[in-house]
Amino acid sequence: KKLGLERAKKSSYLFQSLLTGGAKLAFGSDWP
């Protein structure tokens, strides 16, 4: 809604792209 469908698909939560690029992921919750 805020970015538009195509823009959101290309930019949002790119976990596998980060891994493919050689980044280390650290998962968390940001609780609460």
Full PDB file with SEQRES, HELIX, SHEET, SSBOND, CRYST1, ORIGX, SCALE, CONECT and MASTER records, all heavy atoms in Angstrom:
SEQRES   1 A   32  LYS LYS LEU GLY LEU GLU ARG ALA LYS LYS SER SER TYR          
SEQRES   2 A   32  LEU PHE GLN SER LEU LEU THR GLY GLY ALA LYS LEU ALA          
SEQRES   3 A   32  PHE GLY SER ASP TRP PRO                                      
HELIX    1 AA1 LEU A    5  SER A   11  1                                   7    
HELIX    2 AA2 PHE A   15  THR A   20  1                                   6    
CRYST1    1.000    1.000    1.000  90.00  90.00  90.00 P 1           1          
ORIGX1      1.000000  0.000000  0.000000        0.00000                         
ORIGX2      0.000000  1.000000  0.000000        0.00000                         
ORIGX3      0.000000  0.000000  1.000000        0.00000                         
SCALE1      1.000000  0.000000  0.000000        0.00000                         
SCALE2      0.000000  1.000000  0.000000        0.00000                         
SCALE3      0.000000  0.000000  1.000000        0.00000                         
ATOM      1  N   LYS A   1       0.824  -1.213   0.000  1.00  0.00           N  
ATOM      2  CA  LYS A   1       0.000   0.000   0.000  1.00  0.00           C  
ATOM      3  C   LYS A   1       0.859   1.265   0.000  1.00  0.00           C  
ATOM      4  O   LYS A   1       0.569   2.231  -0.702  1.00  0.00           O  
ATOM      5  CB  LYS A   1      -0.917  -0.014   1.226  1.00  0.00           C  
ATOM      6  CG  LYS A   1      -1.805   1.206   1.363  1.00  0.00           C  
ATOM      7  CD  LYS A   1      -2.673   1.092   2.611  1.00  0.00           C  
ATOM      8  CE  LYS A   1      -3.545   2.345   2.777  1.00  0.00           C  
ATOM      9  NZ  LYS A   1      -4.368   2.269   4.009  1.00  0.00           N  
ATOM     10  N   LYS A   2       1.933   1.250   0.767  1.00  0.00           N  
ATOM     11  CA  LYS A   2       2.740   2.454   0.962  1.00  0.00           C  
ATOM     12  C   LYS A   2       3.799   2.645  -0.129  1.00  0.00           C  
ATOM     13  O   LYS A   2       4.215   3.766  -0.407  1.00  0.00           O  
ATOM     14  CB  LYS A   2       3.406   2.427   2.336  1.00  0.00           C  
ATOM     15  CG  LYS A   2       2.417   2.511   3.495  1.00  0.00           C  
ATOM     16  CD  LYS A   2       3.114   2.300   4.829  1.00  0.00           C  
ATOM     17  CE  LYS A   2       2.115   2.256   5.975  1.00  0.00           C  
ATOM     18  NZ  LYS A   2       1.499   3.570   6.233  1.00  0.00           N  
ATOM     19  N   LEU A   3       4.256   1.525  -0.710  1.00  0.00           N  
ATOM     20  CA  LEU A   3       5.325   1.602  -1.705  1.00  0.00           C  
ATOM     21  C   LEU A   3       4.868   1.280  -3.118  1.00  0.00           C  
ATOM     22  O   LEU A   3       5.568   1.599  -4.080  1.00  0.00           O  
ATOM     23  CB  LEU A   3       6.461   0.637  -1.328  1.00  0.00           C  
ATOM     24  CG  LEU A   3       7.088   0.804   0.060  1.00  0.00           C  
ATOM     25  CD1 LEU A   3       8.155  -0.263   0.283  1.00  0.00           C  
ATOM     26  CD2 LEU A   3       7.673   2.198   0.234  1.00  0.00           C  
ATOM     27  N   GLY A   4       3.739   0.620  -3.225  1.00  0.00           N  
ATOM     28  CA  GLY A   4       3.308   0.109  -4.514  1.00  0.00           C  
ATOM     29  C   GLY A   4       3.795  -1.317  -4.702  1.00  0.00           C  
ATOM     30  O   GLY A   4       4.841  -1.704  -4.162  1.00  0.00           O  
ATOM     31  N   LEU A   5       3.057  -2.130  -5.440  1.00  0.00           N  
ATOM     32  CA  LEU A   5       3.333  -3.557  -5.546  1.00  0.00           C  
ATOM     33  C   LEU A   5       4.735  -3.844  -6.073  1.00  0.00           C  
ATOM     34  O   LEU A   5       5.503  -4.596  -5.457  1.00  0.00           O  
ATOM     35  CB  LEU A   5       2.288  -4.232  -6.440  1.00  0.00           C  
ATOM     36  CG  LEU A   5       2.483  -5.730  -6.692  1.00  0.00           C  
ATOM     37  CD1 LEU A   5       2.444  -6.496  -5.375  1.00  0.00           C  
ATOM     38  CD2 LEU A   5       1.419  -6.260  -7.643  1.00  0.00           C  
ATOM     39  N   GLU A   6       5.107  -3.276  -7.196  1.00  0.00           N  
ATOM     40  CA  GLU A   6       6.397  -3.601  -7.803  1.00  0.00           C  
ATOM     41  C   GLU A   6       7.562  -3.143  -6.938  1.00  0.00           C  
ATOM     42  O   GLU A   6       8.550  -3.851  -6.778  1.00  0.00           O  
ATOM     43  CB  GLU A   6       6.482  -2.991  -9.205  1.00  0.00           C  
ATOM     44  CG  GLU A   6       5.586  -3.674 -10.223  1.00  0.00           C  
ATOM     45  CD  GLU A   6       5.846  -5.171 -10.299  1.00  0.00           C  
ATOM     46  OE1 GLU A   6       7.030  -5.568 -10.388  1.00  0.00           O  
ATOM     47  OE2 GLU A   6       4.870  -5.936 -10.257  1.00  0.00           O  
ATOM     48  N   ARG A   7       7.445  -1.964  -6.404  1.00  0.00           N  
ATOM     49  CA  ARG A   7       8.514  -1.428  -5.553  1.00  0.00           C  
ATOM     50  C   ARG A   7       8.663  -2.263  -4.288  1.00  0.00           C  
ATOM     51  O   ARG A   7       9.781  -2.566  -3.863  1.00  0.00           O  
ATOM     52  CB  ARG A   7       8.178   0.022  -5.212  1.00  0.00           C  
ATOM     53  CG  ARG A   7       9.263   0.814  -4.516  1.00  0.00           C  
ATOM     54  CD  ARG A   7       8.817   2.264  -4.503  1.00  0.00           C  
ATOM     55  NE  ARG A   7       9.412   3.030  -3.427  1.00  0.00           N  
ATOM     56  CZ  ARG A   7       8.870   4.129  -2.912  1.00  0.00           C  
ATOM     57  NH1 ARG A   7       7.711   4.573  -3.375  1.00  0.00           N  
ATOM     58  NH2 ARG A   7       9.484   4.796  -1.944  1.00  0.00           N  
ATOM     59  N   ALA A   8       7.550  -2.672  -3.702  1.00  0.00           N  
ATOM     60  CA  ALA A   8       7.595  -3.496  -2.491  1.00  0.00           C  
ATOM     61  C   ALA A   8       8.224  -4.856  -2.786  1.00  0.00           C  
ATOM     62  O   ALA A   8       9.037  -5.362  -2.003  1.00  0.00           O  
ATOM     63  CB  ALA A   8       6.193  -3.679  -1.918  1.00  0.00           C  
ATOM     64  N   LYS A   9       7.867  -5.465  -3.922  1.00  0.00           N  
ATOM     65  CA  LYS A   9       8.402  -6.783  -4.279  1.00  0.00           C  
ATOM     66  C   LYS A   9       9.909  -6.753  -4.491  1.00  0.00           C  
ATOM     67  O   LYS A   9      10.614  -7.710  -4.189  1.00  0.00           O  
ATOM     68  CB  LYS A   9       7.714  -7.305  -5.539  1.00  0.00           C  
ATOM     69  CG  LYS A   9       6.293  -7.805  -5.319  1.00  0.00           C  
ATOM     70  CD  LYS A   9       5.638  -8.179  -6.627  1.00  0.00           C  
ATOM     71  CE  LYS A   9       6.342  -9.331  -7.311  1.00  0.00           C  
ATOM     72  NZ  LYS A   9       5.646  -9.743  -8.547  1.00  0.00           N  
ATOM     73  N   LYS A  10      10.411  -5.656  -5.004  1.00  0.00           N  
ATOM     74  CA  LYS A  10      11.837  -5.572  -5.305  1.00  0.00           C  
ATOM     75  C   LYS A  10      12.691  -5.223  -4.086  1.00  0.00           C  
ATOM     76  O   LYS A  10      13.902  -5.424  -4.117  1.00  0.00           O  
ATOM     77  CB  LYS A  10      12.070  -4.527  -6.401  1.00  0.00           C  
ATOM     78  CG  LYS A  10      11.519  -4.916  -7.760  1.00  0.00           C  
ATOM     79  CD  LYS A  10      11.723  -3.791  -8.768  1.00  0.00           C  
ATOM     80  CE  LYS A  10      11.148  -4.159 -10.132  1.00  0.00           C  
ATOM     81  NZ  LYS A  10      11.297  -3.037 -11.096  1.00  0.00           N  
ATOM     82  N   SER A  11      12.061  -4.686  -3.039  1.00  0.00           N  
ATOM     83  CA  SER A  11      12.876  -4.107  -1.965  1.00  0.00           C  
ATOM     84  C   SER A  11      12.667  -4.700  -0.578  1.00  0.00           C  
ATOM     85  O   SER A  11      13.473  -4.442   0.316  1.00  0.00           O  
ATOM     86  CB  SER A  11      12.597  -2.597  -1.879  1.00  0.00           C  
ATOM     87  OG  SER A  11      11.289  -2.334  -1.376  1.00  0.00           O  
ATOM     88  N   SER A  12      11.630  -5.492  -0.352  1.00  0.00           N  
ATOM     89  CA  SER A  12      11.191  -5.782   1.015  1.00  0.00           C  
ATOM     90  C   SER A  12      11.661  -7.132   1.557  1.00  0.00           C  
ATOM     91  O   SER A  12      11.429  -8.172   0.944  1.00  0.00           O  
ATOM     92  CB  SER A  12       9.657  -5.738   1.074  1.00  0.00           C  
ATOM     93  OG  SER A  12       9.178  -4.480   0.645  1.00  0.00           O  
ATOM     94  N   TYR A  13      12.339  -7.097   2.695  1.00  0.00           N  
ATOM     95  CA  TYR A  13      12.741  -8.305   3.419  1.00  0.00           C  
ATOM     96  C   TYR A  13      13.505  -9.269   2.506  1.00  0.00           C  
ATOM     97  O   TYR A  13      13.120 -10.425   2.314  1.00  0.00           O  
ATOM     98  CB  TYR A  13      11.518  -8.987   4.040  1.00  0.00           C  
ATOM     99  CG  TYR A  13      10.792  -8.121   5.034  1.00  0.00           C  
ATOM    100  CD1 TYR A  13       9.721  -7.327   4.653  1.00  0.00           C  
ATOM    101  CD2 TYR A  13      11.206  -8.076   6.363  1.00  0.00           C  
ATOM    102  CE1 TYR A  13       9.076  -6.504   5.567  1.00  0.00           C  
ATOM    103  CE2 TYR A  13      10.573  -7.263   7.278  1.00  0.00           C  
ATOM    104  CZ  TYR A  13       9.502  -6.473   6.877  1.00  0.00           C  
ATOM    105  OH  TYR A  13       8.871  -5.657   7.793  1.00  0.00           O  
ATOM    106  N   LEU A  14      14.624  -8.809   2.004  1.00  0.00           N  
ATOM    107  CA  LEU A  14      15.384  -9.563   1.005  1.00  0.00           C  
ATOM    108  C   LEU A  14      16.381 -10.498   1.679  1.00  0.00           C  
ATOM    109  O   LEU A  14      17.597 -10.412   1.473  1.00  0.00           O  
ATOM    110  CB  LEU A  14      16.101  -8.595   0.061  1.00  0.00           C  
ATOM    111  CG  LEU A  14      15.214  -7.556  -0.629  1.00  0.00           C  
ATOM    112  CD1 LEU A  14      16.030  -6.705  -1.589  1.00  0.00           C  
ATOM    113  CD2 LEU A  14      14.055  -8.225  -1.371  1.00  0.00           C  
ATOM    114  N   PHE A  15      15.869 -11.450   2.449  1.00  0.00           N  
ATOM    115  CA  PHE A  15      16.738 -12.320   3.249  1.00  0.00           C  
ATOM    116  C   PHE A  15      17.659 -13.177   2.379  1.00  0.00           C  
ATOM    117  O   PHE A  15      18.857 -13.279   2.628  1.00  0.00           O  
ATOM    118  CB  PHE A  15      15.896 -13.222   4.157  1.00  0.00           C  
ATOM    119  CG  PHE A  15      14.987 -12.496   5.098  1.00  0.00           C  
ATOM    120  CD1 PHE A  15      13.797 -13.066   5.526  1.00  0.00           C  
ATOM    121  CD2 PHE A  15      15.311 -11.228   5.569  1.00  0.00           C  
ATOM    122  CE1 PHE A  15      12.959 -12.405   6.400  1.00  0.00           C  
ATOM    123  CE2 PHE A  15      14.476 -10.554   6.445  1.00  0.00           C  
ATOM    124  CZ  PHE A  15      13.287 -11.146   6.850  1.00  0.00           C  
ATOM    125  N   GLN A  16      17.089 -13.833   1.375  1.00  0.00           N  
ATOM    126  CA  GLN A  16      17.911 -14.704   0.543  1.00  0.00           C  
ATOM    127  C   GLN A  16      18.892 -13.892  -0.301  1.00  0.00           C  
ATOM    128  O   GLN A  16      20.027 -14.322  -0.521  1.00  0.00           O  
ATOM    129  CB  GLN A  16      17.023 -15.567  -0.365  1.00  0.00           C  
ATOM    130  CG  GLN A  16      17.791 -16.608  -1.171  1.00  0.00           C  
ATOM    131  CD  GLN A  16      18.621 -17.545  -0.308  1.00  0.00           C  
ATOM    132  OE1 GLN A  16      18.121 -18.101   0.682  1.00  0.00           O  
ATOM    133  NE2 GLN A  16      19.896 -17.716  -0.627  1.00  0.00           N  
ATOM    134  N   SER A  17      18.492 -12.727  -0.750  1.00  0.00           N  
ATOM    135  CA  SER A  17      19.414 -11.874  -1.506  1.00  0.00           C  
ATOM    136  C   SER A  17      20.593 -11.456  -0.641  1.00  0.00           C  
ATOM    137  O   SER A  17      21.734 -11.391  -1.117  1.00  0.00           O  
ATOM    138  CB  SER A  17      18.684 -10.633  -2.028  1.00  0.00           C  
ATOM    139  OG  SER A  17      17.742 -10.975  -3.015  1.00  0.00           O  
ATOM    140  N   LEU A  18      20.342 -11.173   0.625  1.00  0.00           N  
ATOM    141  CA  LEU A  18      21.423 -10.834   1.544  1.00  0.00           C  
ATOM    142  C   LEU A  18      22.384 -12.007   1.694  1.00  0.00           C  
ATOM    143  O   LEU A  18      23.607 -11.841   1.647  1.00  0.00           O  
ATOM    144  CB  LEU A  18      20.848 -10.427   2.904  1.00  0.00           C  
ATOM    145  CG  LEU A  18      20.207  -9.037   2.955  1.00  0.00           C  
ATOM    146  CD1 LEU A  18      19.303  -8.907   4.179  1.00  0.00           C  
ATOM    147  CD2 LEU A  18      21.276  -7.948   2.984  1.00  0.00           C  
ATOM    148  N   LEU A  19      21.834 -13.227   1.844  1.00  0.00           N  
ATOM    149  CA  LEU A  19      22.678 -14.417   1.958  1.00  0.00           C  
ATOM    150  C   LEU A  19      23.469 -14.656   0.683  1.00  0.00           C  
ATOM    151  O   LEU A  19      24.673 -14.953   0.721  1.00  0.00           O  
ATOM    152  CB  LEU A  19      21.820 -15.637   2.278  1.00  0.00           C  
ATOM    153  CG  LEU A  19      21.274 -15.761   3.700  1.00  0.00           C  
ATOM    154  CD1 LEU A  19      20.340 -16.959   3.806  1.00  0.00           C  
ATOM    155  CD2 LEU A  19      22.404 -15.890   4.707  1.00  0.00           C  
ATOM    156  N   THR A  20      22.808 -14.530  -0.447  1.00  0.00           N  
ATOM    157  CA  THR A  20      23.472 -14.754  -1.731  1.00  0.00           C  
ATOM    158  C   THR A  20      24.624 -13.771  -1.930  1.00  0.00           C  
ATOM    159  O   THR A  20      25.672 -14.110  -2.497  1.00  0.00           O  
ATOM    160  CB  THR A  20      22.466 -14.619  -2.886  1.00  0.00           C  
ATOM    161  OG1 THR A  20      21.411 -15.585  -2.702  1.00  0.00           O  
ATOM    162  CG2 THR A  20      23.133 -14.848  -4.230  1.00  0.00           C  
ATOM    163  N   GLY A  21      24.450 -12.563  -1.400  1.00  0.00           N  
ATOM    164  CA  GLY A  21      25.492 -11.555  -1.501  1.00  0.00           C  
ATOM    165  C   GLY A  21      26.611 -11.710  -0.494  1.00  0.00           C  
ATOM    166  O   GLY A  21      27.546 -10.905  -0.482  1.00  0.00           O  
ATOM    167  N   GLY A  22      26.508 -12.736   0.362  1.00  0.00           N  
ATOM    168  CA  GLY A  22      27.580 -13.013   1.317  1.00  0.00           C  
ATOM    169  C   GLY A  22      27.404 -12.395   2.682  1.00  0.00           C  
ATOM    170  O   GLY A  22      28.326 -12.435   3.513  1.00  0.00           O  
ATOM    171  N   ALA A  23      26.231 -11.842   2.971  1.00  0.00           N  
ATOM    172  CA  ALA A  23      25.992 -11.234   4.283  1.00  0.00           C  
ATOM    173  C   ALA A  23      25.665 -12.300   5.315  1.00  0.00           C  
ATOM    174  O   ALA A  23      25.147 -13.376   4.992  1.00  0.00           O  
ATOM    175  CB  ALA A  23      24.852 -10.224   4.202  1.00  0.00           C  
ATOM    176  N   LYS A  24      25.969 -12.016   6.561  1.00  0.00           N  
ATOM    177  CA  LYS A  24      25.521 -12.842   7.680  1.00  0.00           C  
ATOM    178  C   LYS A  24      24.202 -12.274   8.202  1.00  0.00           C  
ATOM    179  O   LYS A  24      24.083 -11.071   8.438  1.00  0.00           O  
ATOM    180  CB  LYS A  24      26.562 -12.825   8.810  1.00  0.00           C  
ATOM    181  CG  LYS A  24      27.784 -13.690   8.550  1.00  0.00           C  
ATOM    182  CD  LYS A  24      27.505 -15.159   8.879  1.00  0.00           C  
ATOM    183  CE  LYS A  24      28.726 -16.026   8.608  1.00  0.00           C  
ATOM    184  NZ  LYS A  24      29.814 -15.801   9.569  1.00  0.00           N  
ATOM    185  N   LEU A  25      23.220 -13.156   8.382  1.00  0.00           N  
ATOM    186  CA  LEU A  25      21.947 -12.764   8.967  1.00  0.00           C  
ATOM    187  C   LEU A  25      21.937 -13.079  10.452  1.00  0.00           C  
ATOM    188  O   LEU A  25      22.442 -14.111  10.883  1.00  0.00           O  
ATOM    189  CB  LEU A  25      20.784 -13.505   8.302  1.00  0.00           C  
ATOM    190  CG  LEU A  25      20.520 -13.265   6.813  1.00  0.00           C  
ATOM    191  CD1 LEU A  25      19.287 -14.056   6.383  1.00  0.00           C  
ATOM    192  CD2 LEU A  25      20.336 -11.793   6.523  1.00  0.00           C  
ATOM    193  N   ALA A  26      21.360 -12.187  11.221  1.00  0.00           N  
ATOM    194  CA  ALA A  26      21.090 -12.448  12.634  1.00  0.00           C  
ATOM    195  C   ALA A  26      19.600 -12.206  12.839  1.00  0.00           C  
ATOM    196  O   ALA A  26      19.124 -11.084  12.631  1.00  0.00           O  
ATOM    197  CB  ALA A  26      21.919 -11.530  13.527  1.00  0.00           C  
ATOM    198  N   PHE A  27      18.859 -13.254  13.195  1.00  0.00           N  
ATOM    199  CA  PHE A  27      17.412 -13.145  13.336  1.00  0.00           C  
ATOM    200  C   PHE A  27      17.031 -12.707  14.752  1.00  0.00           C  
ATOM    201  O   PHE A  27      17.690 -13.063  15.734  1.00  0.00           O  
ATOM    202  CB  PHE A  27      16.737 -14.484  13.046  1.00  0.00           C  
ATOM    203  CG  PHE A  27      16.554 -14.796  11.582  1.00  0.00           C  
ATOM    204  CD1 PHE A  27      16.042 -16.028  11.189  1.00  0.00           C  
ATOM    205  CD2 PHE A  27      16.881 -13.884  10.591  1.00  0.00           C  
ATOM    206  CE1 PHE A  27      15.856 -16.339   9.851  1.00  0.00           C  
ATOM    207  CE2 PHE A  27      16.719 -14.178   9.249  1.00  0.00           C  
ATOM    208  CZ  PHE A  27      16.198 -15.423   8.881  1.00  0.00           C  
ATOM    209  N   GLY A  28      15.941 -11.977  14.829  1.00  0.00           N  
ATOM    210  CA  GLY A  28      15.412 -11.552  16.120  1.00  0.00           C  
ATOM    211  C   GLY A  28      13.940 -11.216  15.993  1.00  0.00           C  
ATOM    212  O   GLY A  28      13.321 -11.438  14.948  1.00  0.00           O  
ATOM    213  N   SER A  29      13.384 -10.633  17.059  1.00  0.00           N  
ATOM    214  CA  SER A  29      11.955 -10.350  17.088  1.00  0.00           C  
ATOM    215  C   SER A  29      11.633  -8.867  17.170  1.00  0.00           C  
ATOM    216  O   SER A  29      10.565  -8.441  16.749  1.00  0.00           O  
ATOM    217  CB  SER A  29      11.317 -11.047  18.295  1.00  0.00           C  
ATOM    218  OG  SER A  29      11.831 -10.504  19.511  1.00  0.00           O  
ATOM    219  N   ASP A  30      12.529  -8.065  17.765  1.00  0.00           N  
ATOM    220  CA  ASP A  30      12.239  -6.672  18.108  1.00  0.00           C  
ATOM    221  C   ASP A  30      11.143  -6.601  19.170  1.00  0.00           C  
ATOM    222  O   ASP A  30      10.442  -5.601  19.283  1.00  0.00           O  
ATOM    223  CB  ASP A  30      11.836  -5.871  16.860  1.00  0.00           C  
ATOM    224  CG  ASP A  30      12.023  -4.374  17.032  1.00  0.00           C  
ATOM    225  OD1 ASP A  30      12.670  -3.960  18.022  1.00  0.00           O  
ATOM    226  OD2 ASP A  30      11.504  -3.602  16.194  1.00  0.00           O  
ATOM    227  N   TRP A  31      11.017  -7.676  19.958  1.00  0.00           N  
ATOM    228  CA  TRP A  31       9.992  -7.704  21.005  1.00  0.00           C  
ATOM    229  C   TRP A  31      10.102  -6.474  21.895  1.00  0.00           C  
ATOM    230  O   TRP A  31      11.214  -6.065  22.221  1.00  0.00           O  
ATOM    231  CB  TRP A  31      10.171  -8.991  21.847  1.00  0.00           C  
ATOM    232  CG  TRP A  31       9.096  -9.210  22.857  1.00  0.00           C  
ATOM    233  CD1 TRP A  31       7.775  -9.476  22.623  1.00  0.00           C  
ATOM    234  CD2 TRP A  31       9.240  -9.215  24.282  1.00  0.00           C  
ATOM    235  NE1 TRP A  31       7.096  -9.639  23.803  1.00  0.00           N  
ATOM    236  CE2 TRP A  31       7.977  -9.474  24.840  1.00  0.00           C  
ATOM    237  CE3 TRP A  31      10.337  -9.005  25.145  1.00  0.00           C  
ATOM    238  CZ2 TRP A  31       7.756  -9.546  26.218  1.00  0.00           C  
ATOM    239  CZ3 TRP A  31      10.118  -9.076  26.517  1.00  0.00           C  
ATOM    240  CH2 TRP A  31       8.851  -9.341  27.045  1.00  0.00           C  
ATOM    241  N   PRO A  32       8.989  -5.813  22.250  1.00  0.00           N  
ATOM    242  CA  PRO A  32       7.595  -6.222  22.068  1.00  0.00           C  
ATOM    243  C   PRO A  32       6.934  -5.752  20.776  1.00  0.00           C  
ATOM    244  O   PRO A  32       5.709  -5.828  20.659  1.00  0.00           O  
ATOM    245  CB  PRO A  32       6.913  -5.583  23.271  1.00  0.00           C  
ATOM    246  CG  PRO A  32       7.653  -4.308  23.471  1.00  0.00           C  
ATOM    247  CD  PRO A  32       9.089  -4.625  23.141  1.00  0.00           C  
TER     248      PRO A  32                                                      
MASTER        0    0    0    2    0    0    0    6  247    1    0    3          
END                                                                             
